[in-house]
Protein backbone atom coordinates (compact mmCIF):
# COMPACT_ATOMS: atom_id res chain seq x y z
CA MET A 1 68.76 265.65 -38.08
CA ASN A 2 65.11 266.53 -37.50
CA THR A 3 62.85 263.72 -36.31
CA SER A 4 60.15 264.62 -38.84
CA PRO A 5 60.71 265.46 -42.53
CA PRO A 6 61.03 269.15 -43.39
CA SER A 7 58.11 270.69 -45.26
CA ALA A 8 60.46 271.43 -48.18
CA LEU A 9 64.13 271.17 -49.07
CA LEU A 10 65.71 274.12 -50.85
CA CYS A 11 69.13 273.69 -52.45
CA PHE A 12 71.22 276.64 -53.62
CA ASP A 13 74.43 276.90 -55.56
CA PHE A 14 76.64 279.39 -53.73
CA ASP A 15 78.94 281.50 -55.93
CA GLY A 16 77.00 283.33 -58.61
CA THR A 17 73.64 282.22 -57.21
CA PHE A 18 73.26 282.56 -53.44
CA ILE A 19 75.86 285.31 -53.46
CA ASP A 20 76.98 287.80 -56.08
CA GLN A 21 80.74 287.40 -56.42
CA ALA A 22 81.00 291.17 -56.89
CA ALA A 23 79.55 291.61 -53.38
CA PRO A 24 80.14 288.27 -51.60
CA GLU A 25 79.33 289.59 -48.11
CA ILE A 26 75.80 290.72 -48.94
CA LEU A 27 72.66 288.60 -48.66
CA VAL A 28 69.96 290.53 -50.51
CA PRO A 29 66.98 291.41 -48.26
CA PRO A 30 64.30 289.69 -50.41
CA LEU A 31 66.20 286.39 -50.17
CA ALA A 32 66.81 286.76 -46.43
CA ALA A 33 63.08 287.41 -45.90
CA ALA A 34 62.07 284.45 -48.07
CA LEU A 35 64.41 282.10 -46.19
CA GLN A 36 63.07 283.24 -42.83
CA ALA A 37 59.45 282.78 -43.95
CA LEU A 38 60.07 279.30 -45.39
CA ARG A 39 61.96 278.19 -42.31
CA GLN A 40 59.02 279.26 -40.19
CA ARG A 41 56.96 276.90 -42.34
CA GLY A 42 59.33 274.04 -41.56
CA ALA A 43 61.58 274.13 -44.64
CA ASN A 44 65.30 273.26 -44.62
CA PHE A 45 67.91 274.72 -46.93
CA ALA A 46 71.27 273.50 -48.18
CA ILE A 47 74.20 275.23 -49.83
CA ASN A 48 75.54 273.04 -52.65
CA THR A 49 78.93 274.31 -53.76
CA GLY A 50 82.14 273.39 -55.51
CA ARG A 51 84.05 274.97 -52.64
CA SER A 52 85.85 272.86 -50.07
CA LEU A 53 84.14 272.59 -46.69
CA PHE A 54 86.58 275.11 -45.20
CA GLN A 55 85.93 277.60 -48.01
CA ALA A 56 82.18 277.08 -47.81
CA ILE A 57 82.15 277.71 -44.06
CA GLY A 58 84.18 280.88 -44.64
CA GLY A 59 81.73 282.12 -47.25
CA VAL A 60 78.74 281.45 -45.00
CA ARG A 61 80.49 283.17 -42.08
CA ASP A 62 81.26 286.24 -44.22
CA LEU A 63 77.55 286.59 -44.97
CA GLY A 64 76.72 286.79 -41.27
CA LEU A 65 73.61 284.65 -41.72
CA ARG A 66 71.12 284.85 -38.87
CA ASP A 67 70.80 281.05 -39.07
CA LEU A 68 73.29 278.59 -40.51
CA PRO A 69 72.29 276.53 -43.51
CA ASP A 70 70.75 273.26 -42.39
CA TYR A 71 73.23 271.41 -44.60
CA LEU A 72 76.36 272.07 -46.64
CA ILE A 73 77.33 270.06 -49.71
CA ALA A 74 81.03 270.70 -50.38
CA TRP A 75 83.22 269.72 -53.35
CA GLU A 76 79.86 269.27 -55.18
CA ARG A 77 79.46 265.92 -53.45
CA GLU A 78 80.18 265.69 -49.69
CA ILE A 79 77.22 266.25 -47.34
CA TYR A 80 77.68 267.92 -43.95
CA ALA A 81 75.32 268.84 -41.12
CA PRO A 82 76.02 271.22 -38.22
CA THR A 83 76.17 270.06 -34.62
CA ARG A 84 74.62 272.14 -31.85
CA PHE A 85 78.12 273.55 -31.32
CA HIS A 86 78.17 274.77 -34.95
CA ARG A 87 80.72 272.23 -36.09
CA TRP A 88 80.15 270.54 -39.43
CA THR A 89 80.17 266.73 -39.52
CA ASP A 90 79.60 264.01 -42.12
CA LEU A 91 75.94 263.16 -42.66
CA GLY A 92 75.60 259.38 -42.62
CA ASP A 93 78.16 257.26 -44.48
CA TRP A 94 77.79 259.03 -47.84
CA ASN A 95 81.06 260.98 -47.51
CA HIS A 96 82.99 257.86 -46.52
CA ARG A 97 81.72 256.00 -49.58
CA CYS A 98 82.36 259.03 -51.77
CA ARG A 99 85.99 259.36 -50.69
CA LYS A 100 86.60 255.62 -51.03
CA GLU A 101 85.14 255.51 -54.55
CA HIS A 102 87.16 258.53 -55.66
CA LYS A 103 90.42 257.00 -54.44
CA LYS A 104 89.66 253.83 -56.39
CA LEU A 105 88.64 255.83 -59.47
CA PHE A 106 91.79 257.95 -59.62
CA ARG A 107 93.99 254.91 -58.97
CA LYS A 108 92.27 252.93 -61.74
CA HIS A 109 92.53 255.73 -64.30
CA ARG A 110 95.95 257.09 -63.32
CA ARG A 111 97.42 256.42 -66.78
CA LEU A 112 94.49 258.03 -68.60
CA LEU A 113 94.67 261.12 -66.40
CA THR A 114 98.44 261.33 -66.91
CA ARG A 115 97.99 261.09 -70.68
CA MET A 116 95.39 263.85 -70.64
CA ARG A 117 97.56 266.00 -68.36
CA ASP A 118 100.57 265.69 -70.69
CA HIS A 119 98.46 266.54 -73.76
CA ILE A 120 96.98 269.59 -72.04
CA HIS A 121 100.43 270.78 -70.97
CA ARG A 122 101.73 270.47 -74.54
CA HIS A 123 98.75 271.80 -76.47
CA SER A 124 97.07 274.43 -74.28
CA GLY A 125 97.74 277.18 -71.80
CA ALA A 126 95.64 275.53 -69.12
CA ARG A 127 97.08 274.70 -65.70
CA TRP A 128 96.69 271.15 -64.37
CA ILE A 129 95.83 270.81 -60.66
CA GLU A 130 97.30 268.09 -58.47
CA GLU A 131 96.75 268.55 -54.73
CA PRO A 132 95.90 266.14 -51.90
CA GLU A 133 92.23 267.17 -51.89
CA GLU A 134 92.15 267.91 -55.63
CA PRO A 135 94.15 265.12 -57.33
CA ALA A 136 92.99 265.89 -60.87
CA GLY A 137 91.60 269.10 -62.31
CA LEU A 138 92.53 272.07 -64.44
CA ILE A 139 92.15 275.81 -64.89
CA ALA A 140 91.84 277.12 -68.45
CA ARG A 141 92.83 280.59 -69.63
CA ASP A 142 89.31 281.38 -70.79
CA GLU A 143 85.98 279.73 -71.50
CA PRO A 144 86.60 279.08 -75.22
CA GLU A 145 89.73 277.16 -74.26
CA MET A 146 87.73 275.24 -71.66
CA ASP A 147 85.10 274.40 -74.30
CA HIS A 148 87.85 272.93 -76.49
CA LEU A 149 89.42 271.02 -73.60
CA CYS A 150 86.08 269.53 -72.59
CA GLU A 151 85.66 268.17 -76.13
CA PHE A 152 89.11 266.60 -75.88
CA ILE A 153 88.43 265.13 -72.42
CA ASP A 154 85.05 263.75 -73.50
CA ALA A 155 86.68 261.99 -76.46
CA GLU A 156 89.48 260.54 -74.30
CA ILE A 157 87.06 259.24 -71.66
CA ALA A 158 84.84 257.67 -74.31
CA ALA A 159 87.78 256.05 -76.12
CA ALA A 160 89.04 254.56 -72.86
CA GLY A 161 85.58 253.30 -71.86
CA ALA A 162 86.04 255.05 -68.51
CA THR A 163 82.32 255.20 -67.78
CA ARG A 164 82.72 256.20 -64.12
CA LEU A 165 85.19 259.01 -64.81
CA SER A 166 83.42 262.34 -65.16
CA TYR A 167 84.09 265.98 -64.39
CA GLU A 168 82.43 269.07 -62.98
CA ARG A 169 82.91 272.34 -64.82
CA ASN A 170 82.37 275.91 -63.63
CA THR A 171 83.50 278.61 -66.08
CA ILE A 172 87.30 278.10 -66.49
CA TYR A 173 87.58 275.53 -63.67
CA LEU A 174 87.22 271.76 -64.02
CA ARG A 175 87.37 268.99 -61.41
CA PHE A 176 87.51 265.29 -62.33
CA ALA A 177 85.09 263.18 -60.31
CA HIS A 178 83.24 259.89 -60.05
CA SER A 179 80.05 259.98 -62.11
CA ASN A 180 78.00 258.68 -59.16
CA TYR A 181 78.86 261.69 -56.98
CA ASN A 182 77.83 265.18 -58.05
CA LYS A 183 75.49 267.98 -57.03
CA GLY A 184 72.46 266.06 -58.25
CA THR A 185 73.19 262.71 -56.62
CA SER A 186 74.24 264.45 -53.38
CA LEU A 187 70.99 266.41 -53.26
CA ALA A 188 69.03 263.22 -53.95
CA GLU A 189 70.90 261.46 -51.12
CA LEU A 190 70.22 264.32 -48.72
CA ALA A 191 66.53 264.21 -49.63
CA ARG A 192 66.50 260.44 -49.11
CA GLN A 193 67.99 260.76 -45.65
CA LEU A 194 65.47 263.48 -44.76
CA SER A 195 62.54 261.60 -46.36
CA VAL A 196 61.70 264.59 -48.56
CA PRO A 197 59.94 263.62 -51.81
CA ARG A 198 61.00 265.08 -55.14
CA ASP A 199 57.87 267.26 -55.37
CA ARG A 200 59.02 269.21 -52.30
CA ILE A 201 62.56 269.89 -53.53
CA PHE A 202 63.64 273.27 -54.94
CA ALA A 203 67.04 273.68 -56.67
CA ILE A 204 68.66 276.70 -58.29
CA GLY A 205 72.07 277.28 -59.88
CA ASP A 206 73.84 279.22 -62.58
CA ASN A 207 76.63 277.11 -64.10
CA HIS A 208 77.48 273.81 -65.81
CA ASN A 209 78.23 271.98 -62.57
CA ASP A 210 74.68 272.74 -61.36
CA LEU A 211 72.98 270.87 -64.21
CA THR A 212 72.92 267.53 -62.38
CA MET A 213 70.72 269.03 -59.65
CA LEU A 214 68.68 271.17 -62.06
CA ASN A 215 67.06 267.96 -63.15
CA PRO A 216 63.33 267.11 -62.90
CA GLU A 217 64.27 263.64 -61.69
CA VAL A 218 65.97 265.21 -58.67
CA ALA A 219 63.84 268.29 -57.95
CA SER A 220 60.38 269.24 -59.14
CA MET A 221 61.07 272.96 -58.67
CA ILE A 222 64.13 273.98 -60.68
CA ALA A 223 65.31 277.47 -61.52
CA CYS A 224 68.25 279.64 -62.49
CA PRO A 225 69.02 283.35 -62.02
CA SER A 226 69.34 285.72 -64.98
CA ASN A 227 73.16 285.56 -64.79
CA ALA A 228 73.17 281.81 -65.51
CA VAL A 229 75.21 280.61 -68.49
CA PRO A 230 73.18 280.03 -71.69
CA GLU A 231 73.39 276.22 -71.43
CA VAL A 232 71.81 276.32 -67.96
CA LYS A 233 69.06 278.71 -69.01
CA GLN A 234 68.25 276.50 -71.99
CA SER A 235 68.20 273.34 -69.88
CA VAL A 236 66.01 274.84 -67.16
CA ALA A 237 63.56 276.30 -69.68
CA SER A 238 63.35 273.03 -71.63
CA CYS A 239 62.38 271.19 -68.42
CA GLY A 240 59.61 273.64 -67.62
CA GLY A 241 61.68 275.30 -64.89
CA PHE A 242 61.84 278.98 -64.01
CA VAL A 243 64.38 281.41 -65.48
CA ALA A 244 64.43 284.48 -63.22
CA ALA A 245 64.59 288.03 -64.55
CA SER A 246 66.91 289.01 -61.70
CA SER A 247 70.46 287.88 -60.93
CA CYS A 248 71.93 285.97 -58.01
CA GLY A 249 70.06 286.30 -54.67
CA ALA A 250 67.31 288.49 -56.08
CA GLY A 251 66.75 285.82 -58.73
CA ILE A 252 66.42 283.17 -56.01
CA ALA A 253 63.80 285.26 -54.21
CA GLU A 254 61.93 285.65 -57.50
CA ALA A 255 62.04 281.90 -58.12
CA ILE A 256 60.90 281.10 -54.57
CA GLU A 257 57.87 283.36 -55.00
CA HIS A 258 57.13 281.69 -58.34
CA PHE A 259 57.02 278.22 -56.80
CA PHE A 260 55.85 278.91 -53.25
CA GLY A 261 53.71 282.00 -53.78
CA PRO A 262 53.97 285.29 -51.88
CA LEU A 263 55.50 284.82 -48.45
């Protein structure tokens, strides 16, 4: 970690924002130039993604970035920093606490999750996910089905009084999680460790799981690209943020110029 605070902290969602999923190996030139210019001014940048650490590293490698991100936030909650040998390691004790709290959460609400899983199996075409690193999640057939399932899950969580059980949604994918650990709280923790104040934090994303970081209490400069889902565009606009006219990386470059001026 740097000995002095960075001049700014920029946080980017990955799929659909930093990269266009139709061309995942291309970093658009305006964004590459903006990143280089801001880094020369002492800024740091983080990729904040729902991907696992392994998948995030693969995506970054495929881009062939001239410089690695300064930080990676994987699973929407775990913070990693690169060593000088380009290996990614836990930043502080945040990841340890995050994993511990998630184990407790899923153990405490095992019956509730099982009840929801059985209902979803019987009454929808969605697929429930149970893997070592992903103990509770689902994949819907389409977004309307996911909308309906989110209403059901919200009602079940409320009825059970499971205040710490939450979820992160991106299109047809949903991951259950602890409400204290998400893209917003992880970005805030990273900023705390770097001693970067809120007024020097920039965040941009395109989907539901980005809303926690597209929050004026977390970042003073918030934005979304033109391909963002309507709920994100509405939220960003209502907070006085910037809705770009361009999609994905070009939209990031547009938002950076809006907040930082011509580079």
